[in-house]
Amino acid sequence: MPTFDEYADKYQHVRMVRGDGILQITFHTDGDSLQWGGGPHEELPRAFRDIGSDRENRVVIMTGTGDAFTGPPGTRASRPRRAPAEWDRTYWEGKQLLMSLLDIEVPMISAINGPALRHSELPLLCDIVLAADAASFQDSGHFINGLIPGDGMHIIYPLLLGLNRGRYFLLTGQTLDARQALDLGLVSEVLPRERLLPRAWELAEKLSEQSDLVLRYSRVLLTQYLKRQMQDLLGYGLALEGLGSADSAIGTDTADS
């Protein structure tokens, strides 16, 4: 099992600090808000595996840097266009990204510091979800820019919003602000940004009063339903997303020839 010293400074896009068993992970790109791309897609599954393998972690806080949690907004120009052999790595990493997060067997608290425009399902998979009043949620990287939302968004948003609201959200590119997210049950508390991390640590310290086994087994129990949904639907969704990506690649190649 890895020790904290072995992985704390290992990742380019994740800063880590730990005190009394509470681990805070902060996503970033060069010290500013995380800019989604191949680097985070490859790194985060490995980081989650290290975190989940370290039994000295008792509670995990997930947050972001700067004015946004994740960005930039997706565009048609930035959507991937990949042949099946090229998509295979994305398919594998996409499964590992969410399953490795759910395999962290201690309670997780997300503190969403600003707009989550890319992979907003990551903080929503935490057990307690806090949001700054400037936070917002959108699936900017998929359907509205010509890509199938098959990387877990198709599971999480219909599950949390309800089937019809979730499909509307994904197909229209709807943006939900923090108060709407609170009213719809995506988040549990909305706070001023300066209160966000102190509140996350306050909750983490309260949770950590429980024994190791109570903490671990509660997380295991409360993620079983999510894991079953992922096992049934995530690989299928990523495969369909890859077919759409390949179709775009073929169309682009044809147009260029």
C-alpha atoms as a PDB file:
ATOM      1  CA  MET A   1       0.000   0.000   0.000  1.00  0.00           C
ATOM      2  CA  PRO A   2       1.372   3.460  -0.851  1.00  0.00           C
ATOM      3  CA  THR A   3       2.212   5.937   1.880  1.00  0.00           C
ATOM      4  CA  PHE A   4       1.223   9.577   1.710  1.00  0.00           C
ATOM      5  CA  ASP A   5       4.827  10.673   1.180  1.00  0.00           C
ATOM      6  CA  GLU A   6       5.048   8.419  -1.871  1.00  0.00           C
ATOM      7  CA  TYR A   7       2.133   9.986  -3.757  1.00  0.00           C
ATOM      8  CA  ALA A   8       1.463  13.428  -2.224  1.00  0.00           C
ATOM      9  CA  ASP A   9       3.635  15.255  -4.793  1.00  0.00           C
ATOM     10  CA  LYS A  10       3.334  12.718  -7.577  1.00  0.00           C
ATOM     11  CA  TYR A  11       0.631  14.346  -9.677  1.00  0.00           C
ATOM     12  CA  GLN A  12       0.765  17.419 -11.866  1.00  0.00           C
ATOM     13  CA  HIS A  13      -2.929  18.296 -11.513  1.00  0.00           C
ATOM     14  CA  VAL A  14      -3.629  17.389  -7.866  1.00  0.00           C
ATOM     15  CA  ARG A  15      -2.273  19.107  -4.755  1.00  0.00           C
ATOM     16  CA  MET A  16      -2.630  17.131  -1.526  1.00  0.00           C
ATOM     17  CA  VAL A  17      -2.431  18.047   2.137  1.00  0.00           C
ATOM     18  CA  ARG A  18      -3.377  15.844   5.087  1.00  0.00           C
ATOM     19  CA  GLY A  19      -3.963  16.473   8.769  1.00  0.00           C
ATOM     20  CA  ASP A  20      -5.277  14.028  11.367  1.00  0.00           C
ATOM     21  CA  GLY A  21      -6.353  11.599   8.659  1.00  0.00           C
ATOM     22  CA  ILE A  22      -8.286  14.216   6.658  1.00  0.00           C
ATOM     23  CA  LEU A  23      -6.927  14.468   3.116  1.00  0.00           C
ATOM     24  CA  GLN A  24      -7.675  17.543   1.004  1.00  0.00           C
ATOM     25  CA  ILE A  25      -7.165  17.110  -2.727  1.00  0.00           C
ATOM     26  CA  THR A  26      -7.189  20.267  -4.839  1.00  0.00           C
ATOM     27  CA  PHE A  27      -7.462  20.052  -8.624  1.00  0.00           C
ATOM     28  CA  HIS A  28      -5.493  22.622 -10.630  1.00  0.00           C
ATOM     29  CA  THR A  29      -3.626  23.374 -13.843  1.00  0.00           C
ATOM     30  CA  ASP A  30      -0.399  25.281 -13.268  1.00  0.00           C
ATOM     31  CA  GLY A  31      -1.778  26.636 -10.000  1.00  0.00           C
ATOM     32  CA  ASP A  32      -5.061  27.905 -11.481  1.00  0.00           C
ATOM     33  CA  SER A  33      -8.419  26.288 -12.229  1.00  0.00           C
ATOM     34  CA  LEU A  34      -8.261  22.771 -13.654  1.00  0.00           C
ATOM     35  CA  GLN A  35      -8.353  22.727 -17.454  1.00  0.00           C
ATOM     36  CA  TRP A  36      -9.704  19.387 -18.558  1.00  0.00           C
ATOM     37  CA  GLY A  37      -7.773  17.367 -21.122  1.00  0.00           C
ATOM     38  CA  GLY A  38      -5.632  14.294 -21.609  1.00  0.00           C
ATOM     39  CA  GLY A  39      -3.442  15.010 -18.580  1.00  0.00           C
ATOM     40  CA  PRO A  40      -6.186  15.032 -15.928  1.00  0.00           C
ATOM     41  CA  HIS A  41      -8.017  12.186 -17.687  1.00  0.00           C
ATOM     42  CA  GLU A  42      -4.920  10.006 -17.340  1.00  0.00           C
ATOM     43  CA  GLU A  43      -3.760  11.247 -13.921  1.00  0.00           C
ATOM     44  CA  LEU A  44      -6.886  11.318 -11.804  1.00  0.00           C
ATOM     45  CA  PRO A  45      -7.648   7.569 -11.937  1.00  0.00           C
ATOM     46  CA  ARG A  46      -4.115   6.855 -10.697  1.00  0.00           C
ATOM     47  CA  ALA A  47      -4.418   9.491  -7.974  1.00  0.00           C
ATOM     48  CA  PHE A  48      -7.743   8.050  -6.811  1.00  0.00           C
ATOM     49  CA  ARG A  49      -6.213   4.569  -6.655  1.00  0.00           C
ATOM     50  CA  ASP A  50      -3.327   5.808  -4.509  1.00  0.00           C
ATOM     51  CA  ILE A  51      -5.711   7.655  -2.202  1.00  0.00           C
ATOM     52  CA  GLY A  52      -8.002   4.649  -1.891  1.00  0.00           C
ATOM     53  CA  SER A  53      -5.103   2.306  -1.150  1.00  0.00           C
ATOM     54  CA  ASP A  54      -3.771   4.384   1.756  1.00  0.00           C
ATOM     55  CA  ARG A  55      -5.564   3.331   4.932  1.00  0.00           C
ATOM     56  CA  GLU A  56      -4.246   6.382   6.768  1.00  0.00           C
ATOM     57  CA  ASN A  57      -6.819   8.450   4.842  1.00  0.00           C
ATOM     58  CA  ARG A  58      -9.982   8.639   6.953  1.00  0.00           C
ATOM     59  CA  VAL A  59     -11.963  11.407   5.185  1.00  0.00           C
ATOM     60  CA  VAL A  60     -11.288  13.033   1.793  1.00  0.00           C
ATOM     61  CA  ILE A  61     -12.147  16.599   0.764  1.00  0.00           C
ATOM     62  CA  MET A  62     -12.201  17.359  -2.982  1.00  0.00           C
ATOM     63  CA  THR A  63     -12.007  20.948  -4.196  1.00  0.00           C
ATOM     64  CA  GLY A  64     -10.712  23.126  -7.027  1.00  0.00           C
ATOM     65  CA  THR A  65      -8.491  26.162  -7.554  1.00  0.00           C
ATOM     66  CA  GLY A  66      -9.254  29.729  -8.550  1.00  0.00           C
ATOM     67  CA  ASP A  67     -12.591  30.884  -9.908  1.00  0.00           C
ATOM     68  CA  ALA A  68     -13.708  27.578 -11.442  1.00  0.00           C
ATOM     69  CA  PHE A  69     -13.837  23.961 -10.360  1.00  0.00           C
ATOM     70  CA  THR A  70     -13.275  22.574 -13.877  1.00  0.00           C
ATOM     71  CA  GLY A  71     -13.100  24.071 -17.330  1.00  0.00           C
ATOM     72  CA  PRO A  72     -12.762  25.229 -19.988  1.00  0.00           C
ATOM     73  CA  PRO A  73     -16.193  25.101 -21.636  1.00  0.00           C
ATOM     74  CA  GLY A  74     -16.335  22.490 -24.368  1.00  0.00           C
ATOM     75  CA  THR A  75     -16.465  23.540 -28.014  1.00  0.00           C
ATOM     76  CA  ARG A  76     -17.052  21.709 -31.280  1.00  0.00           C
ATOM     77  CA  ALA A  77     -13.448  22.383 -32.227  1.00  0.00           C
ATOM     78  CA  SER A  78     -12.148  20.758 -29.036  1.00  0.00           C
ATOM     79  CA  ARG A  79     -14.270  17.607 -29.105  1.00  0.00           C
ATOM     80  CA  PRO A  80     -12.244  14.438 -29.668  1.00  0.00           C
ATOM     81  CA  ARG A  81     -12.225  12.841 -33.099  1.00  0.00           C
ATOM     82  CA  ARG A  82     -10.640   9.424 -32.724  1.00  0.00           C
ATOM     83  CA  ALA A  83     -10.591   6.135 -34.549  1.00  0.00           C
ATOM     84  CA  PRO A  84     -11.563   3.081 -32.446  1.00  0.00           C
ATOM     85  CA  ALA A  85      -7.970   2.075 -31.674  1.00  0.00           C
ATOM     86  CA  GLU A  86      -7.270   5.613 -30.465  1.00  0.00           C
ATOM     87  CA  TRP A  87     -10.486   5.690 -28.412  1.00  0.00           C
ATOM     88  CA  ASP A  88      -9.559   2.485 -26.569  1.00  0.00           C
ATOM     89  CA  ARG A  89      -7.329   4.373 -24.122  1.00  0.00           C
ATOM     90  CA  THR A  90     -10.087   6.931 -23.469  1.00  0.00           C
ATOM     91  CA  TYR A  91     -12.541   4.075 -22.930  1.00  0.00           C
ATOM     92  CA  TRP A  92     -10.243   2.408 -20.384  1.00  0.00           C
ATOM     93  CA  GLU A  93      -9.334   5.613 -18.542  1.00  0.00           C
ATOM     94  CA  GLY A  94     -12.975   6.721 -18.490  1.00  0.00           C
ATOM     95  CA  LYS A  95     -14.008   3.568 -16.657  1.00  0.00           C
ATOM     96  CA  GLN A  96     -11.090   3.809 -14.233  1.00  0.00           C
ATOM     97  CA  LEU A  97     -11.773   7.490 -13.508  1.00  0.00           C
ATOM     98  CA  LEU A  98     -15.181   6.904 -11.943  1.00  0.00           C
ATOM     99  CA  MET A  99     -14.688   3.411 -10.581  1.00  0.00           C
ATOM    100  CA  SER A 100     -11.427   4.382  -8.840  1.00  0.00           C
ATOM    101  CA  LEU A 101     -13.202   7.348  -7.281  1.00  0.00           C
ATOM    102  CA  LEU A 102     -15.980   5.104  -5.986  1.00  0.00           C
ATOM    103  CA  ASP A 103     -13.379   2.626  -4.729  1.00  0.00           C
ATOM    104  CA  ILE A 104     -12.112   5.197  -2.207  1.00  0.00           C
ATOM    105  CA  GLU A 105     -13.591   3.545   0.872  1.00  0.00           C
ATOM    106  CA  VAL A 106     -13.798   6.546   3.193  1.00  0.00           C
ATOM    107  CA  PRO A 107     -16.342   9.385   3.246  1.00  0.00           C
ATOM    108  CA  MET A 108     -15.777  12.085   0.645  1.00  0.00           C
ATOM    109  CA  ILE A 109     -16.806  15.744   0.804  1.00  0.00           C
ATOM    110  CA  SER A 110     -16.705  17.959  -2.271  1.00  0.00           C
ATOM    111  CA  ALA A 111     -16.276  21.724  -1.971  1.00  0.00           C
ATOM    112  CA  ILE A 112     -17.141  23.083  -5.408  1.00  0.00           C
ATOM    113  CA  ASN A 113     -15.459  26.478  -5.564  1.00  0.00           C
ATOM    114  CA  GLY A 114     -16.886  27.700  -8.888  1.00  0.00           C
ATOM    115  CA  PRO A 115     -18.377  26.585 -12.206  1.00  0.00           C
ATOM    116  CA  ALA A 116     -18.012  22.865 -12.935  1.00  0.00           C
ATOM    117  CA  LEU A 117     -18.257  22.831 -16.727  1.00  0.00           C
ATOM    118  CA  ARG A 118     -16.318  19.619 -17.432  1.00  0.00           C
ATOM    119  CA  HIS A 119     -16.717  16.305 -15.606  1.00  0.00           C
ATOM    120  CA  SER A 120     -19.016  17.799 -13.014  1.00  0.00           C
ATOM    121  CA  GLU A 121     -20.028  14.259 -12.088  1.00  0.00           C
ATOM    122  CA  LEU A 122     -16.780  13.896 -10.096  1.00  0.00           C
ATOM    123  CA  PRO A 123     -17.743  16.165  -7.172  1.00  0.00           C
ATOM    124  CA  LEU A 124     -21.331  14.923  -7.349  1.00  0.00           C
ATOM    125  CA  LEU A 125     -20.121  11.388  -6.609  1.00  0.00           C
ATOM    126  CA  CYS A 126     -18.919  12.524  -3.186  1.00  0.00           C
ATOM    127  CA  ASP A 127     -21.043  11.738  -0.135  1.00  0.00           C
ATOM    128  CA  ILE A 128     -21.486  15.345   0.988  1.00  0.00           C
ATOM    129  CA  VAL A 129     -21.587  18.031  -1.703  1.00  0.00           C
ATOM    130  CA  LEU A 130     -20.991  21.679  -0.834  1.00  0.00           C
ATOM    131  CA  ALA A 131     -20.978  24.516  -3.350  1.00  0.00           C
ATOM    132  CA  ALA A 132     -19.857  28.109  -3.371  1.00  0.00           C
ATOM    133  CA  ASP A 133     -22.569  30.575  -4.309  1.00  0.00           C
ATOM    134  CA  ALA A 134     -20.699  31.220  -7.580  1.00  0.00           C
ATOM    135  CA  ALA A 135     -20.738  27.533  -8.564  1.00  0.00           C
ATOM    136  CA  SER A 136     -22.689  26.263 -11.554  1.00  0.00           C
ATOM    137  CA  PHE A 137     -23.104  22.990 -13.410  1.00  0.00           C
ATOM    138  CA  GLN A 138     -23.172  22.230 -17.136  1.00  0.00           C
ATOM    139  CA  ASP A 139     -22.254  19.369 -19.438  1.00  0.00           C
ATOM    140  CA  SER A 140     -20.477  21.625 -21.907  1.00  0.00           C
ATOM    141  CA  GLY A 141     -18.268  18.910 -23.373  1.00  0.00           C
ATOM    142  CA  HIS A 142     -20.787  16.550 -24.909  1.00  0.00           C
ATOM    143  CA  PHE A 143     -24.101  16.704 -26.775  1.00  0.00           C
ATOM    144  CA  ILE A 144     -24.299  20.444 -27.436  1.00  0.00           C
ATOM    145  CA  ASN A 145     -20.898  20.211 -29.104  1.00  0.00           C
ATOM    146  CA  GLY A 146     -21.494  17.029 -31.066  1.00  0.00           C
ATOM    147  CA  LEU A 147     -20.315  14.325 -28.638  1.00  0.00           C
ATOM    148  CA  ILE A 148     -22.358  11.585 -26.970  1.00  0.00           C
ATOM    149  CA  PRO A 149     -22.581  12.083 -23.159  1.00  0.00           C
ATOM    150  CA  GLY A 150     -21.504   8.530 -22.382  1.00  0.00           C
ATOM    151  CA  ASP A 151     -18.697   8.945 -19.853  1.00  0.00           C
ATOM    152  CA  GLY A 152     -20.864   8.816 -16.731  1.00  0.00           C
ATOM    153  CA  MET A 153     -22.869  11.988 -17.256  1.00  0.00           C
ATOM    154  CA  HIS A 154     -25.609   9.771 -18.709  1.00  0.00           C
ATOM    155  CA  ILE A 155     -25.759   7.940 -15.374  1.00  0.00           C
ATOM    156  CA  ILE A 156     -25.294  10.645 -12.752  1.00  0.00           C
ATOM    157  CA  TYR A 157     -27.553  13.447 -13.956  1.00  0.00           C
ATOM    158  CA  PRO A 158     -30.687  11.361 -14.682  1.00  0.00           C
ATOM    159  CA  LEU A 159     -30.091   9.645 -11.328  1.00  0.00           C
ATOM    160  CA  LEU A 160     -29.786  12.888  -9.352  1.00  0.00           C
ATOM    161  CA  LEU A 161     -32.198  15.127 -11.262  1.00  0.00           C
ATOM    162  CA  GLY A 162     -34.767  12.519 -12.253  1.00  0.00           C
ATOM    163  CA  LEU A 163     -34.979  10.891 -15.651  1.00  0.00           C
ATOM    164  CA  ASN A 164     -36.719  13.672 -17.581  1.00  0.00           C
ATOM    165  CA  ARG A 165     -34.886  16.596 -16.004  1.00  0.00           C
ATOM    166  CA  GLY A 166     -31.590  14.742 -16.447  1.00  0.00           C
ATOM    167  CA  ARG A 167     -32.174  14.113 -20.137  1.00  0.00           C
ATOM    168  CA  TYR A 168     -33.210  17.742 -20.642  1.00  0.00           C
ATOM    169  CA  PHE A 169     -30.028  18.895 -18.881  1.00  0.00           C
ATOM    170  CA  LEU A 170     -27.793  16.752 -21.106  1.00  0.00           C
ATOM    171  CA  LEU A 171     -29.520  17.440 -24.423  1.00  0.00           C
ATOM    172  CA  THR A 172     -29.937  21.204 -24.074  1.00  0.00           C
ATOM    173  CA  GLY A 173     -26.646  22.166 -22.411  1.00  0.00           C
ATOM    174  CA  GLN A 174     -28.603  23.670 -19.524  1.00  0.00           C
ATOM    175  CA  THR A 175     -26.588  25.528 -16.880  1.00  0.00           C
ATOM    176  CA  LEU A 176     -27.748  25.191 -13.276  1.00  0.00           C
ATOM    177  CA  ASP A 177     -26.570  27.799 -10.809  1.00  0.00           C
ATOM    178  CA  ALA A 178     -25.786  26.965  -7.198  1.00  0.00           C
ATOM    179  CA  ARG A 179     -29.251  27.801  -5.863  1.00  0.00           C
ATOM    180  CA  GLN A 180     -30.959  25.748  -8.557  1.00  0.00           C
ATOM    181  CA  ALA A 181     -28.577  22.889  -7.783  1.00  0.00           C
ATOM    182  CA  LEU A 182     -29.540  23.139  -4.109  1.00  0.00           C
ATOM    183  CA  ASP A 183     -33.264  23.166  -4.881  1.00  0.00           C
ATOM    184  CA  LEU A 184     -32.888  20.168  -7.220  1.00  0.00           C
ATOM    185  CA  GLY A 185     -30.859  18.126  -4.736  1.00  0.00           C
ATOM    186  CA  LEU A 186     -27.489  18.139  -6.515  1.00  0.00           C
ATOM    187  CA  VAL A 187     -25.812  19.861  -3.570  1.00  0.00           C
ATOM    188  CA  SER A 188     -26.558  19.958   0.137  1.00  0.00           C
ATOM    189  CA  GLU A 189     -25.279  23.409   1.130  1.00  0.00           C
ATOM    190  CA  VAL A 190     -24.479  26.667  -0.684  1.00  0.00           C
ATOM    191  CA  LEU A 191     -22.010  28.997   1.011  1.00  0.00           C
ATOM    192  CA  PRO A 192     -19.930  32.101   0.302  1.00  0.00           C
ATOM    193  CA  ARG A 193     -16.630  30.995  -1.205  1.00  0.00           C
ATOM    194  CA  GLU A 194     -14.639  32.064   1.846  1.00  0.00           C
ATOM    195  CA  ARG A 195     -16.761  29.760   4.021  1.00  0.00           C
ATOM    196  CA  LEU A 196     -16.599  26.757   1.694  1.00  0.00           C
ATOM    197  CA  LEU A 197     -13.392  25.017   2.769  1.00  0.00           C
ATOM    198  CA  PRO A 198     -13.769  25.830   6.481  1.00  0.00           C
ATOM    199  CA  ARG A 199     -17.213  24.213   6.349  1.00  0.00           C
ATOM    200  CA  ALA A 200     -15.813  21.170   4.516  1.00  0.00           C
ATOM    201  CA  TRP A 201     -13.125  20.755   7.195  1.00  0.00           C
ATOM    202  CA  GLU A 202     -15.687  21.244   9.939  1.00  0.00           C
ATOM    203  CA  LEU A 203     -17.795  18.419   8.521  1.00  0.00           C
ATOM    204  CA  ALA A 204     -14.736  16.235   7.925  1.00  0.00           C
ATOM    205  CA  GLU A 205     -13.616  16.647  11.535  1.00  0.00           C
ATOM    206  CA  LYS A 206     -17.108  15.707  12.722  1.00  0.00           C
ATOM    207  CA  LEU A 207     -17.158  12.608  10.515  1.00  0.00           C
ATOM    208  CA  SER A 208     -13.704  11.589  11.665  1.00  0.00           C
ATOM    209  CA  GLU A 209     -14.957  11.188  15.237  1.00  0.00           C
ATOM    210  CA  GLN A 210     -16.266   7.795  14.118  1.00  0.00           C
ATOM    211  CA  SER A 211     -14.121   4.681  14.098  1.00  0.00           C
ATOM    212  CA  ASP A 212     -12.179   3.614  11.022  1.00  0.00           C
ATOM    213  CA  LEU A 213     -14.544   0.748  10.293  1.00  0.00           C
ATOM    214  CA  VAL A 214     -17.674   2.872  10.663  1.00  0.00           C
ATOM    215  CA  LEU A 215     -16.195   5.412   8.250  1.00  0.00           C
ATOM    216  CA  ARG A 216     -15.042   2.851   5.702  1.00  0.00           C
ATOM    217  CA  TYR A 217     -18.047   0.580   5.731  1.00  0.00           C
ATOM    218  CA  SER A 218     -20.521   3.464   5.597  1.00  0.00           C
ATOM    219  CA  ARG A 219     -18.866   4.694   2.404  1.00  0.00           C
ATOM    220  CA  VAL A 220     -18.858   1.143   0.994  1.00  0.00           C
ATOM    221  CA  LEU A 221     -22.553   0.749   1.755  1.00  0.00           C
ATOM    222  CA  LEU A 222     -23.578   4.133   0.384  1.00  0.00           C
ATOM    223  CA  THR A 223     -21.736   3.671  -2.914  1.00  0.00           C
ATOM    224  CA  GLN A 224     -22.940   0.161  -3.780  1.00  0.00           C
ATOM    225  CA  TYR A 225     -25.929   1.376  -5.794  1.00  0.00           C
ATOM    226  CA  LEU A 226     -23.743   3.822  -7.714  1.00  0.00           C
ATOM    227  CA  LYS A 227     -21.207   1.099  -8.464  1.00  0.00           C
ATOM    228  CA  ARG A 228     -23.919  -1.183  -9.815  1.00  0.00           C
ATOM    229  CA  GLN A 229     -25.122   1.571 -12.131  1.00  0.00           C
ATOM    230  CA  MET A 230     -21.560   2.153 -13.307  1.00  0.00           C
ATOM    231  CA  GLN A 231     -20.946  -1.546 -13.898  1.00  0.00           C
ATOM    232  CA  ASP A 232     -24.114  -1.810 -15.971  1.00  0.00           C
ATOM    233  CA  LEU A 233     -23.944   1.420 -17.969  1.00  0.00           C
ATOM    234  CA  LEU A 234     -20.531   3.107 -17.952  1.00  0.00           C
ATOM    235  CA  GLY A 235     -18.627   0.897 -20.396  1.00  0.00           C
ATOM    236  CA  TYR A 236     -21.615   0.819 -22.752  1.00  0.00           C
ATOM    237  CA  GLY A 237     -21.873   4.619 -22.654  1.00  0.00           C
ATOM    238  CA  LEU A 238     -18.167   5.080 -23.322  1.00  0.00           C
ATOM    239  CA  ALA A 239     -18.341   2.644 -26.234  1.00  0.00           C
ATOM    240  CA  LEU A 240     -21.213   4.584 -27.824  1.00  0.00           C
ATOM    241  CA  GLU A 241     -19.389   7.855 -27.215  1.00  0.00           C
ATOM    242  CA  GLY A 242     -16.387   6.359 -28.998  1.00  0.00           C
ATOM    243  CA  LEU A 243     -18.523   5.407 -31.994  1.00  0.00           C
ATOM    244  CA  GLY A 244     -19.692   9.001 -32.233  1.00  0.00           C
ATOM    245  CA  SER A 245     -16.117  10.212 -31.967  1.00  0.00           C
ATOM    246  CA  ALA A 246     -15.014   7.825 -34.724  1.00  0.00           C
ATOM    247  CA  ASP A 247     -17.870   9.024 -36.918  1.00  0.00           C
ATOM    248  CA  SER A 248     -16.655  12.600 -36.452  1.00  0.00           C
ATOM    249  CA  ALA A 249     -13.107  11.539 -37.283  1.00  0.00           C
ATOM    250  CA  ILE A 250     -14.204   9.825 -40.475  1.00  0.00           C
ATOM    251  CA  GLY A 251     -16.255  12.849 -41.449  1.00  0.00           C
ATOM    252  CA  THR A 252     -13.324  15.158 -40.842  1.00  0.00           C
ATOM    253  CA  ASP A 253     -10.918  12.966 -42.795  1.00  0.00           C
ATOM    254  CA  THR A 254     -13.350  12.795 -45.714  1.00  0.00           C
ATOM    255  CA  ALA A 255     -13.831  16.555 -45.731  1.00  0.00           C
ATOM    256  CA  ASP A 256     -10.070  17.134 -45.721  1.00  0.00           C
ATOM    257  CA  SER A 257      -9.385  14.747 -48.602  1.00  0.00           C
END
